[in-house]
C-alpha atoms as a PDB file:
ATOM      1  CA  MET A   1       0.000   0.000   0.000  1.00  0.00           C
ATOM      2  CA  VAL A   2       2.872   2.382   0.827  1.00  0.00           C
ATOM      3  CA  ARG A   3       4.434   1.797  -2.581  1.00  0.00           C
ATOM      4  CA  LEU A   4       1.169   2.659  -4.318  1.00  0.00           C
ATOM      5  CA  ILE A   5       0.831   5.899  -2.349  1.00  0.00           C
ATOM      6  CA  ILE A   6       4.430   6.886  -3.139  1.00  0.00           C
ATOM      7  CA  PHE A   7       3.871   6.077  -6.805  1.00  0.00           C
ATOM      8  CA  LEU A   8       0.767   8.270  -6.934  1.00  0.00           C
ATOM      9  CA  ILE A   9       2.527  11.169  -5.195  1.00  0.00           C
ATOM     10  CA  ARG A  10       5.463  10.928  -7.607  1.00  0.00           C
ATOM     11  CA  LYS A  11       3.117  10.951 -10.595  1.00  0.00           C
ATOM     12  CA  ARG A  12       1.248  13.981  -9.231  1.00  0.00           C
ATOM     13  CA  LEU A  13       4.568  15.838  -8.884  1.00  0.00           C
ATOM     14  CA  GLY A  14       5.796  14.664 -12.284  1.00  0.00           C
ATOM     15  CA  LEU A  15       8.830  12.846 -10.888  1.00  0.00           C
ATOM     16  CA  GLY A  16      10.417   9.616 -12.034  1.00  0.00           C
ATOM     17  CA  LYS A  17      11.588   6.833  -9.756  1.00  0.00           C
ATOM     18  CA  TYR A  18      14.544   8.023  -7.623  1.00  0.00           C
ATOM     19  CA  GLU A  19      14.547  11.401  -9.429  1.00  0.00           C
ATOM     20  CA  LEU A  20      16.251  14.065  -7.321  1.00  0.00           C
ATOM     21  CA  PHE A  21      14.411  17.324  -6.619  1.00  0.00           C
ATOM     22  CA  ARG A  22      14.509  20.379  -4.391  1.00  0.00           C
ATOM     23  CA  PHE A  23      11.806  22.354  -2.674  1.00  0.00           C
ATOM     24  CA  ASP A  24      11.764  25.912  -4.022  1.00  0.00           C
ATOM     25  CA  ASN A  25      11.571  27.398  -0.520  1.00  0.00           C
ATOM     26  CA  GLN A  26      14.130  25.197   1.266  1.00  0.00           C
ATOM     27  CA  LYS A  27      16.861  26.760   3.401  1.00  0.00           C
ATOM     28  CA  SER A  28      19.853  24.840   2.085  1.00  0.00           C
ATOM     29  CA  PRO A  29      20.321  24.887  -1.694  1.00  0.00           C
ATOM     30  CA  HIS A  30      22.759  21.969  -1.437  1.00  0.00           C
ATOM     31  CA  SER A  31      20.468  19.250  -0.087  1.00  0.00           C
ATOM     32  CA  CYS A  32      17.935  17.476  -2.265  1.00  0.00           C
ATOM     33  CA  TYR A  33      15.249  14.821  -1.966  1.00  0.00           C
ATOM     34  CA  TYR A  34      13.964  11.726  -3.729  1.00  0.00           C
ATOM     35  CA  PHE A  35      11.249   9.121  -3.268  1.00  0.00           C
ATOM     36  CA  SER A  36      12.507   5.616  -2.538  1.00  0.00           C
ATOM     37  CA  THR A  37      10.221   2.595  -2.368  1.00  0.00           C
ATOM     38  CA  HIS A  38       9.822   3.219   1.378  1.00  0.00           C
ATOM     39  CA  GLY A  39       9.317   6.975   1.543  1.00  0.00           C
ATOM     40  CA  LEU A  40      10.879  10.384   1.074  1.00  0.00           C
ATOM     41  CA  LYS A  41      14.667  10.548   1.545  1.00  0.00           C
ATOM     42  CA  LYS A  42      16.909  13.572   2.017  1.00  0.00           C
ATOM     43  CA  VAL A  43      20.390  13.692   0.505  1.00  0.00           C
ATOM     44  CA  TRP A  44      22.674  16.036   2.442  1.00  0.00           C
ATOM     45  CA  SER A  45      25.459  17.995   0.744  1.00  0.00           C
ATOM     46  CA  ASN A  46      28.093  15.517   2.030  1.00  0.00           C
ATOM     47  CA  GLY A  47      26.255  12.516   0.500  1.00  0.00           C
ATOM     48  CA  LEU A  48      24.550  11.262   3.663  1.00  0.00           C
ATOM     49  CA  ILE A  49      21.035   9.904   3.050  1.00  0.00           C
ATOM     50  CA  THR A  50      18.426  10.126   5.804  1.00  0.00           C
ATOM     51  CA  PRO A  51      14.640   9.820   5.995  1.00  0.00           C
ATOM     52  CA  SER A  52      13.079  13.211   5.345  1.00  0.00           C
ATOM     53  CA  SER A  53      11.015  15.046   7.923  1.00  0.00           C
ATOM     54  CA  ALA A  54       8.901  16.781   5.256  1.00  0.00           C
ATOM     55  CA  SER A  55       5.251  15.900   5.732  1.00  0.00           C
ATOM     56  CA  LEU A  56       3.177  14.431   2.938  1.00  0.00           C
ATOM     57  CA  ASN A  57       0.525  17.053   3.687  1.00  0.00           C
ATOM     58  CA  TRP A  58       3.039  19.762   2.754  1.00  0.00           C
ATOM     59  CA  ILE A  59       4.207  17.918  -0.355  1.00  0.00           C
ATOM     60  CA  LEU A  60       0.622  17.572  -1.586  1.00  0.00           C
ATOM     61  CA  ASN A  61      -0.251  21.190  -0.723  1.00  0.00           C
ATOM     62  CA  GLU A  62      -0.849  23.521  -3.677  1.00  0.00           C
ATOM     63  CA  GLU A  63       1.716  25.999  -2.245  1.00  0.00           C
ATOM     64  CA  CYS A  64       4.503  23.417  -2.335  1.00  0.00           C
ATOM     65  CA  ALA A  65       6.726  23.934  -5.368  1.00  0.00           C
ATOM     66  CA  ILE A  66       9.558  21.642  -6.407  1.00  0.00           C
ATOM     67  CA  THR A  67      12.316  21.805  -9.000  1.00  0.00           C
ATOM     68  CA  PRO A  68      13.876  18.635 -10.416  1.00  0.00           C
ATOM     69  CA  VAL A  69      17.676  18.526 -10.207  1.00  0.00           C
ATOM     70  CA  ASP A  70      19.332  18.578 -13.642  1.00  0.00           C
ATOM     71  CA  TRP A  71      21.239  15.465 -14.710  1.00  0.00           C
ATOM     72  CA  CYS A  72      24.719  16.983 -14.403  1.00  0.00           C
ATOM     73  CA  GLU A  73      24.173  18.091 -10.824  1.00  0.00           C
ATOM     74  CA  ALA A  74      22.436  14.797 -10.036  1.00  0.00           C
ATOM     75  CA  ALA A  75      25.534  12.918 -11.212  1.00  0.00           C
ATOM     76  CA  ALA A  76      27.713  14.976  -8.843  1.00  0.00           C
ATOM     77  CA  ILE A  77      25.321  14.289  -5.951  1.00  0.00           C
ATOM     78  CA  ILE A  78      25.313  10.559  -6.681  1.00  0.00           C
ATOM     79  CA  PHE A  79      29.132  10.611  -6.757  1.00  0.00           C
ATOM     80  CA  ARG A  80      29.172  12.258  -3.291  1.00  0.00           C
ATOM     81  CA  MET A  81      26.693   9.644  -2.020  1.00  0.00           C
ATOM     82  CA  HIS A  82      28.950   6.867  -3.296  1.00  0.00           C
ATOM     83  CA  ALA A  83      32.048   8.497  -1.756  1.00  0.00           C
ATOM     84  CA  TYR A  84      30.252   8.806   1.600  1.00  0.00           C
ATOM     85  CA  VAL A  85      29.321   5.119   1.551  1.00  0.00           C
ATOM     86  CA  MET A  86      32.862   4.087   0.626  1.00  0.00           C
ATOM     87  CA  LYS A  87      34.273   6.129   3.540  1.00  0.00           C
ATOM     88  CA  GLN A  88      31.993   4.206   5.909  1.00  0.00           C
ATOM     89  CA  VAL A  89      33.272   0.803   4.760  1.00  0.00           C
END
Protein backbone atom coordinates (compact mmCIF):
# COMPACT_ATOMS: atom_id res chain seq x y z
CA MET A 1 0.00 0.00 0.00
CA VAL A 2 2.87 2.38 0.83
CA ARG A 3 4.43 1.80 -2.58
CA LEU A 4 1.17 2.66 -4.32
CA ILE A 5 0.83 5.90 -2.35
CA ILE A 6 4.43 6.89 -3.14
CA PHE A 7 3.87 6.08 -6.80
CA LEU A 8 0.77 8.27 -6.93
CA ILE A 9 2.53 11.17 -5.20
CA ARG A 10 5.46 10.93 -7.61
CA LYS A 11 3.12 10.95 -10.59
CA ARG A 12 1.25 13.98 -9.23
CA LEU A 13 4.57 15.84 -8.88
CA GLY A 14 5.80 14.66 -12.28
CA LEU A 15 8.83 12.85 -10.89
CA GLY A 16 10.42 9.62 -12.03
CA LYS A 17 11.59 6.83 -9.76
CA TYR A 18 14.54 8.02 -7.62
CA GLU A 19 14.55 11.40 -9.43
CA LEU A 20 16.25 14.07 -7.32
CA PHE A 21 14.41 17.32 -6.62
CA ARG A 22 14.51 20.38 -4.39
CA PHE A 23 11.81 22.35 -2.67
CA ASP A 24 11.76 25.91 -4.02
CA ASN A 25 11.57 27.40 -0.52
CA GLN A 26 14.13 25.20 1.27
CA LYS A 27 16.86 26.76 3.40
CA SER A 28 19.85 24.84 2.08
CA PRO A 29 20.32 24.89 -1.69
CA HIS A 30 22.76 21.97 -1.44
CA SER A 31 20.47 19.25 -0.09
CA CYS A 32 17.94 17.48 -2.27
CA TYR A 33 15.25 14.82 -1.97
CA TYR A 34 13.96 11.73 -3.73
CA PHE A 35 11.25 9.12 -3.27
CA SER A 36 12.51 5.62 -2.54
CA THR A 37 10.22 2.60 -2.37
CA HIS A 38 9.82 3.22 1.38
CA GLY A 39 9.32 6.98 1.54
CA LEU A 40 10.88 10.38 1.07
CA LYS A 41 14.67 10.55 1.54
CA LYS A 42 16.91 13.57 2.02
CA VAL A 43 20.39 13.69 0.50
CA TRP A 44 22.67 16.04 2.44
CA SER A 45 25.46 18.00 0.74
CA ASN A 46 28.09 15.52 2.03
CA GLY A 47 26.26 12.52 0.50
CA LEU A 48 24.55 11.26 3.66
CA ILE A 49 21.03 9.90 3.05
CA THR A 50 18.43 10.13 5.80
CA PRO A 51 14.64 9.82 5.99
CA SER A 52 13.08 13.21 5.34
CA SER A 53 11.02 15.05 7.92
CA ALA A 54 8.90 16.78 5.26
CA SER A 55 5.25 15.90 5.73
CA LEU A 56 3.18 14.43 2.94
CA ASN A 57 0.52 17.05 3.69
CA TRP A 58 3.04 19.76 2.75
CA ILE A 59 4.21 17.92 -0.35
CA LEU A 60 0.62 17.57 -1.59
CA ASN A 61 -0.25 21.19 -0.72
CA GLU A 62 -0.85 23.52 -3.68
CA GLU A 63 1.72 26.00 -2.25
CA CYS A 64 4.50 23.42 -2.33
CA ALA A 65 6.73 23.93 -5.37
CA ILE A 66 9.56 21.64 -6.41
CA THR A 67 12.32 21.80 -9.00
CA PRO A 68 13.88 18.64 -10.42
CA VAL A 69 17.68 18.53 -10.21
CA ASP A 70 19.33 18.58 -13.64
CA TRP A 71 21.24 15.46 -14.71
CA CYS A 72 24.72 16.98 -14.40
CA GLU A 73 24.17 18.09 -10.82
CA ALA A 74 22.44 14.80 -10.04
CA ALA A 75 25.53 12.92 -11.21
CA ALA A 76 27.71 14.98 -8.84
CA ILE A 77 25.32 14.29 -5.95
CA ILE A 78 25.31 10.56 -6.68
CA PHE A 79 29.13 10.61 -6.76
CA ARG A 80 29.17 12.26 -3.29
CA MET A 81 26.69 9.64 -2.02
CA HIS A 82 28.95 6.87 -3.30
CA ALA A 83 32.05 8.50 -1.76
CA TYR A 84 30.25 8.81 1.60
CA VAL A 85 29.32 5.12 1.55
CA MET A 86 32.86 4.09 0.63
CA LYS A 87 34.27 6.13 3.54
CA GLN A 88 31.99 4.21 5.91
CA VAL A 89 33.27 0.80 4.76
